[in-house]
Each structure stands twice: as structure tokens, then as C-alpha cells.
PDB file of N, CA and C in Angstrom:
ATOM      1  N   ILE A   1       9.548  12.076  -5.539  1.00  0.00           N
ATOM      2  CA  ILE A   1       8.550  11.224  -4.909  1.00  0.00           C
ATOM      3  C   ILE A   1       8.081  11.900  -3.625  1.00  0.00           C
ATOM      4  N   ASP A   2       6.766  11.979  -3.472  1.00  0.00           N
ATOM      5  CA  ASP A   2       6.195  12.584  -2.264  1.00  0.00           C
ATOM      6  C   ASP A   2       5.739  11.549  -1.255  1.00  0.00           C
ATOM      7  N   GLY A   3       5.654  10.288  -1.665  1.00  0.00           N
ATOM      8  CA  GLY A   3       5.230   9.252  -0.733  1.00  0.00           C
ATOM      9  C   GLY A   3       4.879   7.970  -1.447  1.00  0.00           C
ATOM     10  N   TYR A   4       4.280   7.067  -0.669  1.00  0.00           N
ATOM     11  CA  TYR A   4       3.918   5.743  -1.160  1.00  0.00           C
ATOM     12  C   TYR A   4       2.473   5.446  -0.826  1.00  0.00           C
ATOM     13  N   GLN A   5       1.815   4.729  -1.706  1.00  0.00           N
ATOM     14  CA  GLN A   5       0.452   4.276  -1.459  1.00  0.00           C
ATOM     15  C   GLN A   5       0.513   2.749  -1.329  1.00  0.00           C
ATOM     16  N   ILE A   6      -0.061   2.226  -0.258  1.00  0.00           N
ATOM     17  CA  ILE A   6      -0.022   0.797   0.025  1.00  0.00           C
ATOM     18  C   ILE A   6      -1.442   0.254  -0.066  1.00  0.00           C
ATOM     19  N   GLN A   7      -1.620  -0.783  -0.855  1.00  0.00           N
ATOM     20  CA  GLN A   7      -2.934  -1.406  -1.022  1.00  0.00           C
ATOM     21  C   GLN A   7      -2.866  -2.804  -0.437  1.00  0.00           C
ATOM     22  N   TYR A   8      -3.866  -3.181   0.354  1.00  0.00           N
ATOM     23  CA  TYR A   8      -3.882  -4.507   0.971  1.00  0.00           C
ATOM     24  C   TYR A   8      -5.284  -5.086   0.963  1.00  0.00           C
ATOM     25  N   CYS A   9      -5.323  -6.432   0.934  1.00  0.00           N
ATOM     26  CA  CYS A   9      -6.597  -7.120   0.843  1.00  0.00           C
ATOM     27  C   CYS A   9      -6.396  -8.600   1.154  1.00  0.00           C
ATOM     28  N   THR A  10      -7.459  -9.282   1.533  1.00  0.00           N
ATOM     29  CA  THR A  10      -7.387 -10.726   1.749  1.00  0.00           C
ATOM     30  C   THR A  10      -7.600 -11.488   0.440  1.00  0.00           C
ATOM     31  N   ASN A  11      -8.041 -10.796  -0.588  1.00  0.00           N
ATOM     32  CA  ASN A  11      -8.278 -11.382  -1.905  1.00  0.00           C
ATOM     33  C   ASN A  11      -7.087 -11.064  -2.807  1.00  0.00           C
ATOM     34  N   LYS A  12      -6.481 -12.068  -3.444  1.00  0.00           N
ATOM     35  CA  LYS A  12      -5.292 -11.803  -4.247  1.00  0.00           C
ATOM     36  C   LYS A  12      -5.583 -11.004  -5.509  1.00  0.00           C
ATOM     37  N   ASN A  13      -6.847 -10.840  -5.865  1.00  0.00           N
ATOM     38  CA  ASN A  13      -7.219  -9.988  -6.999  1.00  0.00           C
ATOM     39  C   ASN A  13      -7.485  -8.549  -6.563  1.00  0.00           C
ATOM     40  N   PHE A  14      -7.333  -8.272  -5.267  1.00  0.00           N
ATOM     41  CA  PHE A  14      -7.501  -6.955  -4.655  1.00  0.00           C
ATOM     42  C   PHE A  14      -8.919  -6.410  -4.789  1.00  0.00           C
ATOM     43  N   LYS A  15      -9.900  -7.305  -4.878  1.00  0.00           N
ATOM     44  CA  LYS A  15     -11.295  -6.876  -4.898  1.00  0.00           C
ATOM     45  C   LYS A  15     -11.697  -6.491  -3.477  1.00  0.00           C
ATOM     46  N   GLY A  16     -12.210  -5.290  -3.288  1.00  0.00           N
ATOM     47  CA  GLY A  16     -12.580  -4.794  -1.967  1.00  0.00           C
ATOM     48  C   GLY A  16     -11.381  -4.387  -1.124  1.00  0.00           C
ATOM     49  N   SER A  17     -10.317  -3.976  -1.780  1.00  0.00           N
ATOM     50  CA  SER A  17      -9.083  -3.642  -1.065  1.00  0.00           C
ATOM     51  C   SER A  17      -9.171  -2.292  -0.365  1.00  0.00           C
ATOM     52  N   LYS A  18      -8.205  -2.054   0.529  1.00  0.00           N
ATOM     53  CA  LYS A  18      -8.085  -0.785   1.235  1.00  0.00           C
ATOM     54  C   LYS A  18      -6.713  -0.208   0.948  1.00  0.00           C
ATOM     55  N   LYS A  19      -6.604   1.125   1.067  1.00  0.00           N
ATOM     56  CA  LYS A  19      -5.343   1.812   0.794  1.00  0.00           C
ATOM     57  C   LYS A  19      -4.952   2.686   1.968  1.00  0.00           C
ATOM     58  N   VAL A  20      -3.655   2.755   2.225  1.00  0.00           N
ATOM     59  CA  VAL A  20      -3.103   3.684   3.198  1.00  0.00           C
ATOM     60  C   VAL A  20      -1.944   4.410   2.522  1.00  0.00           C
ATOM     61  N   THR A  21      -1.628   5.590   3.030  1.00  0.00           N
ATOM     62  CA  THR A  21      -0.580   6.408   2.449  1.00  0.00           C
ATOM     63  C   THR A  21       0.550   6.607   3.443  1.00  0.00           C
ATOM     64  N   ALA A  22       1.767   6.478   2.965  1.00  0.00           N
ATOM     65  CA  ALA A  22       2.958   6.774   3.754  1.00  0.00           C
ATOM     66  C   ALA A  22       3.591   8.009   3.122  1.00  0.00           C
ATOM     67  N   LYS A  23       3.450   9.138   3.772  1.00  0.00           N
ATOM     68  CA  LYS A  23       3.950  10.386   3.209  1.00  0.00           C
ATOM     69  C   LYS A  23       5.431  10.550   3.493  1.00  0.00           C
ATOM     70  N   GLY A  24       6.156  11.036   2.499  1.00  0.00           N
ATOM     71  CA  GLY A  24       7.574  11.309   2.660  1.00  0.00           C
ATOM     72  C   GLY A  24       8.446  10.366   1.859  1.00  0.00           C
ATOM     73  N   TYR A  25       9.487  10.906   1.252  1.00  0.00           N
ATOM     74  CA  TYR A  25      10.380  10.129   0.400  1.00  0.00           C
ATOM     75  C   TYR A  25      11.188   9.111   1.194  1.00  0.00           C
ATOM     76  N   GLY A  26      11.682   9.481   2.357  1.00  0.00           N
ATOM     77  CA  GLY A  26      12.537   8.605   3.145  1.00  0.00           C
ATOM     78  C   GLY A  26      11.789   7.595   3.995  1.00  0.00           C
ATOM     79  N   ARG A  27      10.506   7.532   3.845  1.00  0.00           N
ATOM     80  CA  ARG A  27       9.683   6.621   4.645  1.00  0.00           C
ATOM     81  C   ARG A  27      10.002   5.182   4.275  1.00  0.00           C
ATOM     82  N   THR A  28      10.319   4.339   5.260  1.00  0.00           N
ATOM     83  CA  THR A  28      10.689   2.958   4.956  1.00  0.00           C
ATOM     84  C   THR A  28       9.715   1.939   5.524  1.00  0.00           C
ATOM     85  N   SER A  29       8.770   2.366   6.376  1.00  0.00           N
ATOM     86  CA  SER A  29       7.809   1.414   6.918  1.00  0.00           C
ATOM     87  C   SER A  29       6.504   2.107   7.252  1.00  0.00           C
ATOM     88  N   LYS A  30       5.467   1.309   7.347  1.00  0.00           N
ATOM     89  CA  LYS A  30       4.140   1.811   7.701  1.00  0.00           C
ATOM     90  C   LYS A  30       3.416   0.697   8.435  1.00  0.00           C
ATOM     91  N   THR A  31       2.856   1.004   9.597  1.00  0.00           N
ATOM     92  CA  THR A  31       2.098   0.027  10.362  1.00  0.00           C
ATOM     93  C   THR A  31       0.626   0.136  10.008  1.00  0.00           C
ATOM     94  N   ILE A  32       0.041  -0.980   9.641  1.00  0.00           N
ATOM     95  CA  ILE A  32      -1.383  -1.023   9.313  1.00  0.00           C
ATOM     96  C   ILE A  32      -2.081  -1.698  10.482  1.00  0.00           C
ATOM     97  N   LYS A  33      -2.979  -0.990  11.115  1.00  0.00           N
ATOM     98  CA  LYS A  33      -3.653  -1.506  12.294  1.00  0.00           C
ATOM     99  C   LYS A  33      -4.996  -2.145  11.933  1.00  0.00           C
ATOM    100  N   LYS A  34      -5.565  -2.850  12.879  1.00  0.00           N
ATOM    101  CA  LYS A  34      -6.869  -3.494  12.760  1.00  0.00           C
ATOM    102  C   LYS A  34      -6.899  -4.614  11.724  1.00  0.00           C
ATOM    103  N   LEU A  35      -5.781  -5.347  11.608  1.00  0.00           N
ATOM    104  CA  LEU A  35      -5.761  -6.539  10.771  1.00  0.00           C
ATOM    105  C   LEU A  35      -6.052  -7.742  11.651  1.00  0.00           C
ATOM    106  N   ARG A  36      -6.627  -8.766  11.081  1.00  0.00           N
ATOM    107  CA  ARG A  36      -6.944  -9.968  11.857  1.00  0.00           C
ATOM    108  C   ARG A  36      -5.707 -10.842  11.987  1.00  0.00           C
ATOM    109  N   SER A  37      -5.364 -11.204  13.200  1.00  0.00           N
ATOM    110  CA  SER A  37      -4.166 -11.989  13.486  1.00  0.00           C
ATOM    111  C   SER A  37      -4.222 -13.353  12.803  1.00  0.00           C
ATOM    112  N   GLY A  38      -3.111 -13.735  12.167  1.00  0.00           N
ATOM    113  CA  GLY A  38      -3.014 -15.027  11.501  1.00  0.00           C
ATOM    114  C   GLY A  38      -3.631 -15.073  10.121  1.00  0.00           C
ATOM    115  N   LYS A  39      -4.300 -14.022   9.713  1.00  0.00           N
ATOM    116  CA  LYS A  39      -4.963 -13.970   8.407  1.00  0.00           C
ATOM    117  C   LYS A  39      -3.943 -13.619   7.323  1.00  0.00           C
ATOM    118  N   ARG A  40      -4.093 -14.202   6.140  1.00  0.00           N
ATOM    119  CA  ARG A  40      -3.201 -13.910   5.017  1.00  0.00           C
ATOM    120  C   ARG A  40      -3.694 -12.660   4.273  1.00  0.00           C
ATOM    121  N   TYR A  41      -2.776 -11.744   4.023  1.00  0.00           N
ATOM    122  CA  TYR A  41      -3.077 -10.518   3.291  1.00  0.00           C
ATOM    123  C   TYR A  41      -2.159 -10.405   2.086  1.00  0.00           C
ATOM    124  N   TYR A  42      -2.665  -9.789   1.048  1.00  0.00           N
ATOM    125  CA  TYR A  42      -1.875  -9.505  -0.145  1.00  0.00           C
ATOM    126  C   TYR A  42      -1.630  -7.998  -0.164  1.00  0.00           C
ATOM    127  N   VAL A  43      -0.380  -7.622  -0.414  1.00  0.00           N
ATOM    128  CA  VAL A  43       0.033  -6.222  -0.313  1.00  0.00           C
ATOM    129  C   VAL A  43       0.787  -5.827  -1.570  1.00  0.00           C
ATOM    130  N   ARG A  44       0.561  -4.598  -2.028  1.00  0.00           N
ATOM    131  CA  ARG A  44       1.352  -4.032  -3.119  1.00  0.00           C
ATOM    132  C   ARG A  44       1.513  -2.537  -2.890  1.00  0.00           C
ATOM    133  N   VAL A  45       2.515  -1.951  -3.539  1.00  0.00           N
ATOM    134  CA  VAL A  45       2.906  -0.565  -3.267  1.00  0.00           C
ATOM    135  C   VAL A  45       3.103   0.178  -4.581  1.00  0.00           C
ATOM    136  N   ARG A  46       2.842   1.481  -4.557  1.00  0.00           N
ATOM    137  CA  ARG A  46       3.190   2.357  -5.678  1.00  0.00           C
ATOM    138  C   ARG A  46       3.596   3.717  -5.127  1.00  0.00           C
ATOM    139  N   THR A  47       4.395   4.427  -5.879  1.00  0.00           N
ATOM    140  CA  THR A  47       4.830   5.759  -5.461  1.00  0.00           C
ATOM    141  C   THR A  47       3.892   6.803  -6.054  1.00  0.00           C
ATOM    142  N   TYR A  48       3.919   7.991  -5.451  1.00  0.00           N
ATOM    143  CA  TYR A  48       3.172   9.093  -6.033  1.00  0.00           C
ATOM    144  C   TYR A  48       3.983  10.387  -5.901  1.00  0.00           C
ATOM    145  N   ALA A  49       3.699  11.307  -6.803  1.00  0.00           N
ATOM    146  CA  ALA A  49       4.336  12.618  -6.790  1.00  0.00           C
ATOM    147  C   ALA A  49       3.283  13.659  -7.118  1.00  0.00           C
ATOM    148  N   LYS A  50       3.306  14.754  -6.391  1.00  0.00           N
ATOM    149  CA  LYS A  50       2.373  15.841  -6.642  1.00  0.00           C
ATOM    150  C   LYS A  50       3.095  16.951  -7.382  1.00  0.00           C
ATOM    151  N   VAL A  51       2.522  17.340  -8.520  1.00  0.00           N
ATOM    152  CA  VAL A  51       3.052  18.443  -9.309  1.00  0.00           C
ATOM    153  C   VAL A  51       1.910  19.421  -9.495  1.00  0.00           C
ATOM    154  N   GLY A  52       1.993  20.549  -8.804  1.00  0.00           N
ATOM    155  CA  GLY A  52       0.890  21.496  -8.824  1.00  0.00           C
ATOM    156  C   GLY A  52      -0.334  20.863  -8.177  1.00  0.00           C
ATOM    157  N   ARG A  53      -1.445  20.853  -8.901  1.00  0.00           N
ATOM    158  CA  ARG A  53      -2.678  20.245  -8.391  1.00  0.00           C
ATOM    159  C   ARG A  53      -2.869  18.803  -8.842  1.00  0.00           C
ATOM    160  N   THR A  54      -1.941  18.300  -9.638  1.00  0.00           N
ATOM    161  CA  THR A  54      -2.066  16.958 -10.195  1.00  0.00           C
ATOM    162  C   THR A  54      -1.196  15.973  -9.415  1.00  0.00           C
ATOM    163  N   THR A  55      -1.740  14.797  -9.151  1.00  0.00           N
ATOM    164  CA  THR A  55      -0.996  13.721  -8.495  1.00  0.00           C
ATOM    165  C   THR A  55      -0.728  12.623  -9.519  1.00  0.00           C
ATOM    166  N   TYR A  56       0.544  12.243  -9.641  1.00  0.00           N
ATOM    167  CA  TYR A  56       0.953  11.199 -10.570  1.00  0.00           C
ATOM    168  C   TYR A  56       1.332   9.948  -9.788  1.00  0.00           C
ATOM    169  N   PHE A  57       0.839   8.797 -10.252  1.00  0.00           N
ATOM    170  CA  PHE A  57       1.110   7.520  -9.598  1.00  0.00           C
ATOM    171  C   PHE A  57       1.942   6.628 -10.510  1.00  0.00           C
ATOM    172  N   SER A  58       2.831   5.841  -9.917  1.00  0.00           N
ATOM    173  CA  SER A  58       3.545   4.816 -10.677  1.00  0.00           C
ATOM    174  C   SER A  58       2.622   3.608 -10.810  1.00  0.00           C
ATOM    175  N   SER A  59       3.072   2.597 -11.514  1.00  0.00           N
ATOM    176  CA  SER A  59       2.279   1.368 -11.582  1.00  0.00           C
ATOM    177  C   SER A  59       2.472   0.597 -10.279  1.00  0.00           C
ATOM    178  N   TRP A  60       1.576  -0.317  -9.991  1.00  0.00           N
ATOM    179  CA  TRP A  60       1.650  -1.106  -8.762  1.00  0.00           C
ATOM    180  C   TRP A  60       2.808  -2.087  -8.840  1.00  0.00           C
ATOM    181  N   SER A  61       3.438  -2.342  -7.704  1.00  0.00           N
ATOM    182  CA  SER A  61       4.478  -3.367  -7.621  1.00  0.00           C
ATOM    183  C   SER A  61       3.810  -4.740  -7.724  1.00  0.00           C
ATOM    184  N   THR A  62       4.622  -5.773  -7.836  1.00  0.00           N
ATOM    185  CA  THR A  62       4.051  -7.120  -7.781  1.00  0.00           C
ATOM    186  C   THR A  62       3.549  -7.349  -6.356  1.00  0.00           C
ATOM    187  N   SER A  63       2.517  -8.132  -6.220  1.00  0.00           N
ATOM    188  CA  SER A  63       1.929  -8.333  -4.893  1.00  0.00           C
ATOM    189  C   SER A  63       2.750  -9.316  -4.070  1.00  0.00           C
ATOM    190  N   LYS A  64       2.676  -9.155  -2.780  1.00  0.00           N
ATOM    191  CA  LYS A  64       3.388  -9.999  -1.823  1.00  0.00           C
ATOM    192  C   LYS A  64       2.373 -10.541  -0.839  1.00  0.00           C
ATOM    193  N   SER A  65       2.477 -11.823  -0.530  1.00  0.00           N
ATOM    194  CA  SER A  65       1.574 -12.461   0.423  1.00  0.00           C
ATOM    195  C   SER A  65       2.234 -12.456   1.796  1.00  0.00           C
ATOM    196  N   VAL A  66       1.522 -11.955   2.814  1.00  0.00           N
ATOM    197  CA  VAL A  66       2.050 -11.890   4.182  1.00  0.00           C
ATOM    198  C   VAL A  66       0.965 -12.328   5.165  1.00  0.00           C
ATOM    199  N   ARG A  67       1.386 -12.761   6.339  1.00  0.00           N
ATOM    200  CA  ARG A  67       0.448 -13.108   7.413  1.00  0.00           C
ATOM    201  C   ARG A  67       0.515 -12.028   8.485  1.00  0.00           C
ATOM    202  N   ALA A  68      -0.635 -11.608   8.960  1.00  0.00           N
ATOM    203  CA  ALA A  68      -0.699 -10.611  10.023  1.00  0.00           C
ATOM    204  C   ALA A  68      -0.299 -11.262  11.345  1.00  0.00           C
ATOM    205  N   ARG A  69       0.378 -10.494  12.187  1.00  0.00           N
ATOM    206  CA  ARG A  69       0.773 -11.010  13.504  1.00  0.00           C
ATOM    207  C   ARG A  69      -0.244 -10.656  14.546  1.00  0.00           C
TER     208      ARG A  69
END
């Protein structure tokens, strides 16, 4: 595993979502900035691995509902 891809959105169907990448296998957290305080966000994660020039992704995890602080 080369890292994690995190997808977040205010829509639980992830329409218009944004993605951030956390590089590194041992990475355990990632701070996402510029979220609206008190707003509910839906988040899901998948791993990725690079082999040569090709990047392979796992399937998305189940989504989790969180509130921004």
C-alpha cells in the first residue's frame, strides 16, 4: 500500500465530492481544511498501490457521517 484516498461530501451519494490523498502506509490521520463548522459530511476511504506506471485502487469503505468542528 502506498497510501489512502479520502473522499468527502455533504451529499451522502457523494455527488460533487472532493478527494484528498494521504501518502504513506503508516499514515493514520489526515486533516481536511476549509470545511464549514457544524456541517455534516460523509467520508469514505480506499487504499491505493502504484506498480510501475499503473495505480491500483481498492473498493471504497462504507461511508461514515461526521460533523466538522
